[in-house]
Amino acid sequence: MDTKNNKQNDANLNSSPSGRLGGAGLELPNDLGFYGEFGGAYIPEILHGTVEKLKEAFYAIKDDASFRAEYYDLLKNYVGRPSPLYFATRLSEKYGTKIYLKREDLNHTGAHKINNALGQILLAKRMGKTRIIAETGAGQHGVATATACALMGLECIVFMGKTDVERQFLNVQKMRMLGATVEPVTSGNWTLKDATNEAIRYWCSNPDSFYIIGSTVGPRPYPEMVAFFQSVISEEIKRQLQEQIGRSYPDYLMACVGGGSNAMGTYYHFLNDERVKIISAEAGGLGVETGETAATISVGTVGIIHGFRTLLMQDEDGQITEPYSISAGLDYPGIGPAHAHFAKIGRTKVYPVNDDEALEAAFELTRLEGIIPAIESAHAMALLKKEIGTFKPDDIVVINVSGRGDKDMDTYVKHFNM
């Protein structure tokens, strides 16, 4: 670990912020990548140069017209954006309000993950990188990264916990068909945390590789960079609401959070708009009181994991405790630093959603609207029942359906005895 750099991080937690998060007006993160007390770059010395070059390259392309033109061309003609903002008639009737679904499940590869993967792969090519590594839990980020690598003709290695390899085998097959090497991880609980551990170990041994992190986690600049590439979601929501209802903001925004990339993309351009209530669903598992949970914001304490400071599931000795969720994409023991900060200052409200609540919400969406969501997205849909008494008939509620449920059919079939 880079002790000198870490001490500098700690000494500058409250330094004056610079840069804008999505042009929303919130001056975050600061010069050292902190969102309040969360964030930073707690990295081994061997990665310091690699991360600094990445940071410089990212800031160079943020306002580069040629980069943005290439990126947006891919989003339009390859991904199929803009994804629809769909008015859910029957769901709206049930909950007595106006519910719109942001259909990220209709993107190429079936989730929001492709937005970030394409942005980072273009950056990797500009930096002259030829070997790409990634971690994945539910497999959607792995598929998106493998897809981007196939498109660009780059080598791809994806680390995935053995438990997730088994429960998300369809996505493993897709990654292999796309030419990626999938490395099953058998340390820890064999899930997302452990896949990330192995990816970072490999990165330390191969610092010339380009590590595409799939969520708003990791050392600076990753949380900011992933948020930037996912911000197309809220950019479209603003435009689509203006077109459909004559105003550019909702009353409520809802999304699920694990590491937090789909949520950050959904909230990005609304964070400084006090008219918009922002509500997140984290994975409650079997219940926060059982210990079998991944509700990091609800039960976590401040700690350091995977190169950044955040709220973390850990014991009294600072050892990481194993998260649990029926969702392979939400069972992470930490949370993106921006989400930790927004929850702490009260900008976002966060509910733990238990497995059974998420499954019930998935079944409800399927039967009312003919949309089978990913289990991760079902956690966001479950927020409707958490807030049902607060909605007014004319309220505009936008929920991000971050992925489709093909990968979770075995789980759904088992649960509903179909």
Protein backbone atom coordinates (compact mmCIF):
# COMPACT_ATOMS: atom_id res chain seq x y z
CA MET A 1 0.00 0.00 0.00
CA ASP A 2 1.26 3.49 -0.84
CA THR A 3 1.63 4.83 2.72
CA LYS A 4 2.83 8.30 1.73
CA ASN A 5 -0.05 8.77 -0.68
CA ASN A 6 -2.54 7.45 1.87
CA LYS A 7 -1.35 9.95 4.51
CA GLN A 8 -1.77 12.74 1.99
CA ASN A 9 -5.27 11.49 1.23
CA ASP A 10 -6.17 11.50 4.94
CA ALA A 11 -4.75 14.99 5.45
CA ASN A 12 -6.78 16.43 2.59
CA LEU A 13 -10.21 14.91 3.16
CA ASN A 14 -11.71 18.36 3.52
CA SER A 15 -9.73 20.19 0.85
CA SER A 16 -11.68 22.46 -1.46
CA PRO A 17 -13.51 20.54 -4.19
CA SER A 18 -12.99 20.94 -7.89
CA GLY A 19 -14.73 19.67 -11.00
CA ARG A 20 -18.41 19.08 -11.51
CA LEU A 21 -20.38 15.89 -11.21
CA GLY A 22 -22.30 15.87 -14.47
CA GLY A 23 -22.57 19.63 -14.59
CA ALA A 24 -25.26 19.28 -11.95
CA GLY A 25 -23.74 21.96 -9.74
CA LEU A 26 -22.44 19.65 -7.01
CA GLU A 27 -18.73 20.36 -6.72
CA LEU A 28 -17.59 16.75 -6.39
CA PRO A 29 -15.23 14.99 -6.12
CA ASN A 30 -12.35 17.09 -4.74
CA ASP A 31 -8.80 17.17 -6.11
CA LEU A 32 -7.93 13.87 -4.43
CA GLY A 33 -11.08 12.08 -5.52
CA PHE A 34 -13.03 12.39 -2.26
CA TYR A 35 -16.78 12.76 -1.93
CA GLY A 36 -16.87 14.21 1.56
CA GLU A 37 -14.93 11.68 3.61
CA PHE A 38 -15.30 8.86 1.07
CA GLY A 39 -13.16 8.00 -1.95
CA GLY A 40 -9.47 8.61 -2.58
CA ALA A 41 -6.80 6.32 -4.02
CA TYR A 42 -5.44 3.83 -1.51
CA ILE A 43 -3.28 1.84 -3.89
CA PRO A 44 -0.01 -0.11 -3.91
CA GLU A 45 3.05 1.81 -5.07
CA ILE A 46 3.35 -0.43 -8.15
CA LEU A 47 0.00 0.89 -9.42
CA HIS A 48 0.62 4.57 -8.66
CA GLY A 49 2.06 5.42 -12.08
CA THR A 50 -0.59 3.39 -13.89
CA VAL A 51 -3.44 5.10 -12.08
CA GLU A 52 -1.91 8.56 -12.58
CA LYS A 53 -1.65 7.98 -16.33
CA LEU A 54 -5.24 6.77 -16.38
CA LYS A 55 -6.38 9.87 -14.53
CA GLU A 56 -4.55 12.16 -16.94
CA ALA A 57 -5.94 10.31 -19.97
CA PHE A 58 -9.49 10.41 -18.61
CA TYR A 59 -9.43 14.13 -17.90
CA ALA A 60 -7.98 14.72 -21.37
CA ILE A 61 -10.91 13.01 -23.13
CA LYS A 62 -13.79 14.35 -21.01
CA ASP A 63 -14.22 17.42 -23.19
CA ASP A 64 -12.52 16.10 -26.31
CA ALA A 65 -14.93 16.54 -29.21
CA SER A 66 -13.54 13.68 -31.30
CA PHE A 67 -13.73 11.25 -28.39
CA ARG A 68 -17.29 12.23 -27.56
CA ALA A 69 -18.32 11.93 -31.21
CA GLU A 70 -16.91 8.41 -31.44
CA TYR A 71 -18.44 7.41 -28.10
CA TYR A 72 -21.91 8.77 -28.88
CA ASP A 73 -21.83 7.19 -32.33
CA LEU A 74 -21.29 3.78 -30.70
CA LEU A 75 -24.04 4.44 -28.16
CA LYS A 76 -26.47 5.26 -30.95
CA ASN A 77 -25.56 2.78 -33.67
CA TYR A 78 -24.12 -0.12 -31.67
CA VAL A 79 -25.86 -0.05 -28.30
CA GLY A 80 -29.18 1.21 -29.66
CA ARG A 81 -29.52 4.33 -27.52
CA PRO A 82 -31.48 6.20 -26.48
CA SER A 83 -33.11 3.49 -24.41
CA PRO A 84 -36.88 4.05 -24.12
CA LEU A 85 -38.51 5.88 -21.22
CA TYR A 86 -41.69 3.83 -20.99
CA PHE A 87 -44.90 4.90 -19.23
CA ALA A 88 -46.02 1.83 -17.27
CA THR A 89 -49.81 2.13 -17.45
CA ARG A 90 -50.89 -0.84 -15.33
CA LEU A 91 -48.18 -0.34 -12.74
CA SER A 92 -49.19 3.33 -12.50
CA GLU A 93 -52.81 2.35 -11.95
CA LYS A 94 -51.87 0.01 -9.13
CA TYR A 95 -49.73 2.52 -7.26
CA GLY A 96 -51.86 5.59 -7.97
CA THR A 97 -49.11 7.65 -9.55
CA LYS A 98 -47.31 8.07 -12.88
CA ILE A 99 -44.51 5.53 -13.24
CA TYR A 100 -41.96 5.61 -16.04
CA LEU A 101 -39.37 2.90 -16.61
CA LYS A 102 -35.95 3.70 -18.05
CA ARG A 103 -35.38 0.63 -20.19
CA GLU A 104 -31.66 -0.06 -19.88
CA ASP A 105 -32.58 -3.72 -20.23
CA LEU A 106 -33.12 -3.06 -23.95
CA ASN A 107 -29.49 -2.07 -24.56
CA HIS A 108 -27.21 -4.35 -26.55
CA THR A 109 -25.92 -6.99 -24.06
CA GLY A 110 -29.02 -6.49 -21.88
CA ALA A 111 -27.98 -3.93 -19.27
CA HIS A 112 -26.54 -0.50 -18.56
CA LYS A 113 -23.02 -1.94 -18.27
CA ILE A 114 -22.26 -1.49 -21.98
CA ASN A 115 -22.31 2.33 -21.61
CA ASN A 116 -19.27 2.28 -19.36
CA ALA A 117 -17.50 -0.61 -21.08
CA LEU A 118 -17.49 1.18 -24.42
CA GLY A 119 -16.32 4.44 -22.89
CA GLN A 120 -13.42 2.78 -21.13
CA ILE A 121 -12.47 0.61 -24.11
CA LEU A 122 -12.16 3.73 -26.29
CA LEU A 123 -9.97 5.28 -23.60
CA ALA A 124 -7.86 2.11 -23.44
CA LYS A 125 -7.30 2.23 -27.20
CA ARG A 126 -6.22 5.86 -27.01
CA MET A 127 -3.71 4.87 -24.33
CA GLY A 128 -2.33 2.09 -26.54
CA LYS A 129 -3.52 -0.76 -24.28
CA THR A 130 -4.02 -4.21 -25.78
CA ARG A 131 -4.92 -6.39 -22.76
CA ILE A 132 -8.14 -5.69 -20.88
CA ILE A 133 -9.07 -7.12 -17.49
CA ALA A 134 -12.37 -6.90 -15.64
CA GLU A 135 -14.27 -8.28 -12.67
CA THR A 136 -17.91 -9.33 -12.75
CA GLY A 137 -20.59 -10.60 -10.40
CA ALA A 138 -23.87 -11.01 -12.24
CA GLY A 139 -21.89 -11.32 -15.45
CA GLN A 140 -23.39 -8.29 -17.19
CA HIS A 141 -20.23 -6.20 -16.85
CA GLY A 142 -18.18 -9.19 -17.97
CA VAL A 143 -20.35 -9.64 -21.04
CA ALA A 144 -20.23 -5.91 -21.80
CA THR A 145 -16.44 -5.83 -21.48
CA ALA A 146 -16.01 -8.98 -23.57
CA THR A 147 -18.31 -7.45 -26.19
CA ALA A 148 -16.31 -4.23 -26.31
CA CYS A 149 -13.06 -6.19 -26.58
CA ALA A 150 -14.44 -8.30 -29.44
CA LEU A 151 -15.54 -5.11 -31.19
CA MET A 152 -12.07 -3.56 -30.83
CA GLY A 153 -10.00 -6.74 -31.27
CA LEU A 154 -8.45 -6.67 -27.80
CA GLU A 155 -7.51 -9.47 -25.39
CA CYS A 156 -9.99 -9.84 -22.52
CA ILE A 157 -9.64 -11.57 -19.15
CA VAL A 158 -12.64 -11.60 -16.79
CA PHE A 159 -12.41 -12.61 -13.13
CA MET A 160 -15.61 -14.08 -11.70
CA GLY A 161 -16.31 -15.84 -8.41
CA LYS A 162 -16.96 -19.55 -8.79
CA THR A 163 -20.34 -19.19 -7.09
CA ASP A 164 -21.33 -16.60 -9.69
CA VAL A 165 -19.90 -18.70 -12.53
CA GLU A 166 -22.37 -21.39 -11.53
CA ARG A 167 -25.44 -19.23 -10.96
CA GLN A 168 -24.81 -16.97 -13.98
CA PHE A 169 -23.52 -19.63 -16.39
CA LEU A 170 -25.41 -18.22 -19.37
CA ASN A 171 -23.32 -15.07 -19.15
CA VAL A 172 -20.15 -17.13 -18.78
CA GLN A 173 -21.00 -18.89 -22.03
CA LYS A 174 -21.55 -15.53 -23.72
CA MET A 175 -18.19 -14.21 -22.53
CA ARG A 176 -16.37 -17.28 -23.80
CA MET A 177 -18.15 -17.13 -27.14
CA LEU A 178 -17.02 -13.50 -27.42
CA GLY A 179 -13.43 -14.66 -27.00
CA ALA A 180 -12.83 -13.71 -23.37
CA THR A 181 -10.95 -15.83 -20.86
CA VAL A 182 -13.10 -16.34 -17.76
CA GLU A 183 -11.07 -16.97 -14.59
CA PRO A 184 -13.18 -18.62 -11.84
CA VAL A 185 -12.15 -17.35 -8.39
CA THR A 186 -12.21 -19.76 -5.45
CA SER A 187 -11.07 -17.52 -2.60
CA GLY A 188 -13.38 -16.04 0.04
CA ASN A 189 -17.06 -16.48 -0.72
CA TRP A 190 -16.41 -17.03 -4.45
CA THR A 191 -18.43 -13.91 -5.39
CA LEU A 192 -17.92 -10.31 -6.57
CA LYS A 193 -15.63 -9.13 -3.77
CA ASP A 194 -13.30 -12.03 -4.40
CA ALA A 195 -13.35 -11.54 -8.17
CA THR A 196 -12.33 -7.91 -7.60
CA ASN A 197 -9.52 -9.02 -5.27
CA GLU A 198 -8.12 -11.32 -7.94
CA ALA A 199 -8.45 -8.71 -10.68
CA ILE A 200 -6.46 -6.23 -8.59
CA ARG A 201 -3.79 -8.86 -7.82
CA TYR A 202 -3.44 -9.55 -11.53
CA TRP A 203 -3.30 -5.82 -12.24
CA CYS A 204 -0.47 -5.39 -9.74
CA SER A 205 1.50 -8.11 -11.54
CA ASN A 206 0.56 -6.76 -14.96
CA PRO A 207 0.29 -2.97 -14.52
CA ASP A 208 0.36 -2.39 -18.29
CA SER A 209 -3.07 -4.02 -18.51
CA PHE A 210 -6.13 -1.77 -18.63
CA TYR A 211 -8.56 -2.58 -15.82
CA ILE A 212 -12.17 -1.80 -16.72
CA ILE A 213 -13.97 -1.50 -13.39
CA GLY A 214 -17.70 -1.96 -13.82
CA SER A 215 -19.09 0.20 -11.06
CA THR A 216 -18.52 3.51 -9.26
CA VAL A 217 -15.94 1.94 -6.96
CA GLY A 218 -12.16 1.63 -6.81
CA PRO A 219 -9.42 4.26 -6.58
CA ARG A 220 -9.72 7.66 -8.19
CA PRO A 221 -10.53 8.29 -11.05
CA TYR A 222 -12.74 5.18 -11.40
CA PRO A 223 -15.83 6.35 -9.43
CA GLU A 224 -15.87 9.63 -11.34
CA MET A 225 -15.05 8.00 -14.67
CA VAL A 226 -17.73 5.31 -14.47
CA ALA A 227 -20.28 7.93 -13.40
CA PHE A 228 -19.29 10.08 -16.37
CA PHE A 229 -19.82 7.27 -18.87
CA GLN A 230 -23.12 6.22 -17.27
CA SER A 231 -24.42 9.80 -17.16
CA VAL A 232 -25.99 9.27 -20.59
CA ILE A 233 -28.88 7.67 -18.67
CA SER A 234 -29.91 10.82 -16.81
CA GLU A 235 -29.07 12.93 -19.86
CA GLU A 236 -31.69 10.97 -21.79
CA ILE A 237 -34.21 10.99 -18.93
CA LYS A 238 -34.16 14.81 -18.90
CA ARG A 239 -34.70 15.02 -22.64
CA GLN A 240 -37.33 12.26 -22.77
CA LEU A 241 -39.38 13.72 -19.93
CA GLN A 242 -39.33 17.10 -21.66
CA GLU A 243 -40.59 15.47 -24.84
CA GLN A 244 -43.28 13.36 -23.13
CA ILE A 245 -44.64 15.55 -20.33
CA GLY A 246 -43.26 19.01 -21.04
CA ARG A 247 -40.83 19.21 -18.13
CA SER A 248 -37.31 17.87 -17.73
CA TYR A 249 -37.33 16.44 -14.20
CA PRO A 250 -39.23 13.76 -12.24
CA ASP A 251 -40.51 13.96 -8.69
CA TYR A 252 -38.84 10.65 -7.79
CA LEU A 253 -35.84 8.76 -9.14
CA MET A 254 -35.27 5.15 -8.10
CA ALA A 255 -32.50 2.63 -8.76
CA CYS A 256 -30.70 -0.27 -7.13
CA VAL A 257 -27.21 0.09 -5.68
CA GLY A 258 -24.48 -2.50 -5.30
CA GLY A 259 -21.36 -0.63 -6.31
CA GLY A 260 -23.73 1.91 -7.82
CA SER A 261 -23.11 2.53 -11.52
CA ASN A 262 -26.68 2.33 -12.83
CA ALA A 263 -27.89 4.44 -9.92
CA MET A 264 -25.21 7.08 -10.46
CA GLY A 265 -26.03 7.22 -14.15
CA THR A 266 -29.71 7.71 -13.25
CA TYR A 267 -29.08 10.43 -10.65
CA TYR A 268 -26.14 12.22 -12.30
CA HIS A 269 -27.84 15.27 -13.82
CA PHE A 270 -30.43 15.60 -11.03
CA LEU A 271 -28.21 15.58 -7.95
CA ASN A 272 -28.36 19.34 -7.52
CA ASP A 273 -32.08 19.59 -8.27
CA GLU A 274 -33.91 19.72 -4.95
CA ARG A 275 -37.23 19.10 -6.68
CA VAL A 276 -36.15 15.50 -7.30
CA LYS A 277 -36.35 12.94 -4.50
CA ILE A 278 -33.73 10.22 -4.95
CA ILE A 279 -34.31 6.75 -3.49
CA SER A 280 -31.98 3.76 -3.69
CA ALA A 281 -32.50 0.06 -3.02
CA GLU A 282 -29.65 -1.97 -1.56
CA ALA A 283 -29.68 -5.73 -1.16
CA GLY A 284 -31.19 -6.68 2.20
CA GLY A 285 -30.65 -10.39 1.60
CA LEU A 286 -32.44 -12.36 4.30
CA GLY A 287 -32.77 -9.20 6.41
CA VAL A 288 -30.31 -6.73 7.91
CA GLU A 289 -30.87 -8.23 11.36
CA THR A 290 -29.81 -11.72 10.21
CA GLY A 291 -26.27 -10.92 9.13
CA GLU A 292 -27.12 -12.54 5.78
CA THR A 293 -27.27 -9.24 3.94
CA ALA A 294 -25.46 -6.90 1.56
CA ALA A 295 -27.10 -3.72 2.88
CA THR A 296 -23.86 -1.82 3.22
CA ILE A 297 -25.29 1.65 3.83
CA SER A 298 -27.63 0.26 6.50
CA VAL A 299 -25.06 -1.78 8.45
CA GLY A 300 -21.63 -0.60 7.23
CA THR A 301 -18.93 1.39 8.97
CA VAL A 302 -16.11 3.46 7.46
CA GLY A 303 -13.25 1.41 6.05
CA ILE A 304 -11.03 0.89 3.03
CA ILE A 305 -11.53 -1.70 0.29
CA HIS A 306 -10.27 -2.06 -3.27
CA GLY A 307 -8.42 1.24 -3.22
CA PHE A 308 -11.05 3.61 -1.76
CA ARG A 309 -12.62 4.66 1.53
CA THR A 310 -16.31 3.96 1.94
CA LEU A 311 -18.95 2.38 4.13
CA LEU A 312 -17.99 -1.23 4.49
CA MET A 313 -19.32 -4.47 5.94
CA GLN A 314 -16.64 -5.42 8.48
CA ASP A 315 -16.19 -6.80 11.97
CA GLU A 316 -14.75 -5.03 15.01
CA ASP A 317 -11.22 -5.90 13.88
CA GLY A 318 -11.76 -4.35 10.45
CA GLN A 319 -12.00 -7.70 8.67
CA ILE A 320 -14.41 -7.80 5.73
CA THR A 321 -17.56 -9.78 6.45
CA GLU A 322 -19.13 -11.78 3.65
CA PRO A 323 -22.16 -10.14 2.04
CA TYR A 324 -25.17 -12.15 0.96
CA SER A 325 -27.88 -11.46 -1.62
CA ILE A 326 -29.87 -13.55 -4.03
CA SER A 327 -28.58 -11.03 -6.58
CA ALA A 328 -25.11 -11.74 -7.96
CA GLY A 329 -24.71 -8.09 -8.90
CA LEU A 330 -25.53 -6.56 -5.51
CA ASP A 331 -23.61 -8.75 -3.05
CA TYR A 332 -20.67 -6.39 -2.61
CA PRO A 333 -19.50 -5.53 0.93
CA GLY A 334 -18.94 -1.84 0.10
CA ILE A 335 -20.66 0.95 -1.79
CA GLY A 336 -19.44 3.56 -4.24
CA PRO A 337 -18.02 6.57 -2.36
CA ALA A 338 -20.46 9.03 -3.93
CA HIS A 339 -23.41 6.94 -2.79
CA ALA A 340 -21.97 6.70 0.73
CA HIS A 341 -21.61 10.48 0.78
CA PHE A 342 -25.08 11.24 -0.60
CA ALA A 343 -26.67 8.87 1.93
CA LYS A 344 -24.70 10.43 4.79
CA ILE A 345 -25.74 14.00 3.92
CA GLY A 346 -29.35 12.97 3.30
CA ARG A 347 -29.42 13.62 -0.46
CA THR A 348 -30.55 10.06 -1.05
CA LYS A 349 -32.90 7.84 0.91
CA VAL A 350 -31.80 4.19 1.00
CA TYR A 351 -33.96 1.15 1.76
CA PRO A 352 -32.70 -2.40 2.24
CA VAL A 353 -34.80 -4.67 0.02
CA ASN A 354 -34.87 -8.32 1.04
CA ASP A 355 -34.69 -11.25 -1.39
CA ASP A 356 -38.37 -12.08 -1.10
CA GLU A 357 -39.40 -8.46 -1.67
CA ALA A 358 -37.27 -8.26 -4.81
CA LEU A 359 -38.64 -11.51 -6.20
CA GLU A 360 -42.21 -10.39 -5.54
CA ALA A 361 -41.52 -7.10 -7.33
CA ALA A 362 -40.02 -8.96 -10.29
CA PHE A 363 -43.10 -11.12 -10.61
CA GLU A 364 -45.36 -8.06 -10.32
CA LEU A 365 -43.56 -6.19 -13.10
CA THR A 366 -43.64 -9.27 -15.30
CA ARG A 367 -47.37 -9.85 -14.87
CA LEU A 368 -48.43 -6.19 -15.07
CA GLU A 369 -46.14 -4.91 -17.83
CA GLY A 370 -44.72 -7.96 -19.58
CA ILE A 371 -41.15 -7.04 -18.59
CA ILE A 372 -38.94 -9.62 -16.90
CA PRO A 373 -36.25 -7.66 -15.03
CA ALA A 374 -32.87 -8.70 -13.73
CA ILE A 375 -33.01 -9.48 -10.02
CA GLU A 376 -30.88 -6.38 -9.43
CA SER A 377 -33.50 -4.21 -11.14
CA ALA A 378 -36.25 -5.97 -9.20
CA HIS A 379 -34.77 -4.49 -6.02
CA ALA A 380 -35.44 -1.04 -7.46
CA MET A 381 -38.99 -2.01 -8.41
CA ALA A 382 -39.59 -3.08 -4.80
CA LEU A 383 -39.12 0.55 -3.72
CA LEU A 384 -42.65 1.29 -4.93
CA LYS A 385 -44.14 -0.57 -1.96
CA LYS A 386 -41.69 1.14 0.41
CA GLU A 387 -42.94 4.57 -0.69
CA ILE A 388 -46.52 3.79 -1.68
CA GLY A 389 -48.09 6.09 0.92
CA THR A 390 -46.15 9.15 -0.24
CA PHE A 391 -47.07 9.26 -3.94
CA LYS A 392 -49.51 11.82 -5.31
CA PRO A 393 -51.57 11.03 -8.44
CA ASP A 394 -49.62 13.50 -10.57
CA ASP A 395 -46.16 12.61 -9.27
CA ILE A 396 -43.66 11.47 -11.88
CA VAL A 397 -41.70 8.42 -10.73
CA VAL A 398 -38.79 7.20 -12.87
CA ILE A 399 -37.28 3.79 -12.11
CA ASN A 400 -34.21 2.40 -13.83
CA VAL A 401 -34.75 -1.14 -15.11
CA SER A 402 -31.00 -1.64 -15.29
CA GLY A 403 -30.99 -5.11 -16.84
CA ARG A 404 -33.14 -7.88 -18.24
CA GLY A 405 -33.92 -11.12 -16.50
CA ASP A 406 -32.65 -13.74 -18.96
CA LYS A 407 -29.65 -14.49 -16.75
CA ASP A 408 -31.86 -15.01 -13.68
CA MET A 409 -34.47 -17.37 -15.10
CA ASP A 410 -33.17 -20.37 -13.16
CA THR A 411 -33.62 -18.43 -9.94
CA TYR A 412 -37.08 -17.24 -10.89
CA VAL A 413 -38.21 -20.70 -11.96
CA LYS A 414 -36.96 -22.22 -8.71
CA HIS A 415 -38.64 -19.55 -6.58
CA PHE A 416 -42.00 -19.57 -8.31
CA ASN A 417 -42.07 -23.35 -8.89
CA MET A 418 -42.74 -22.89 -12.61
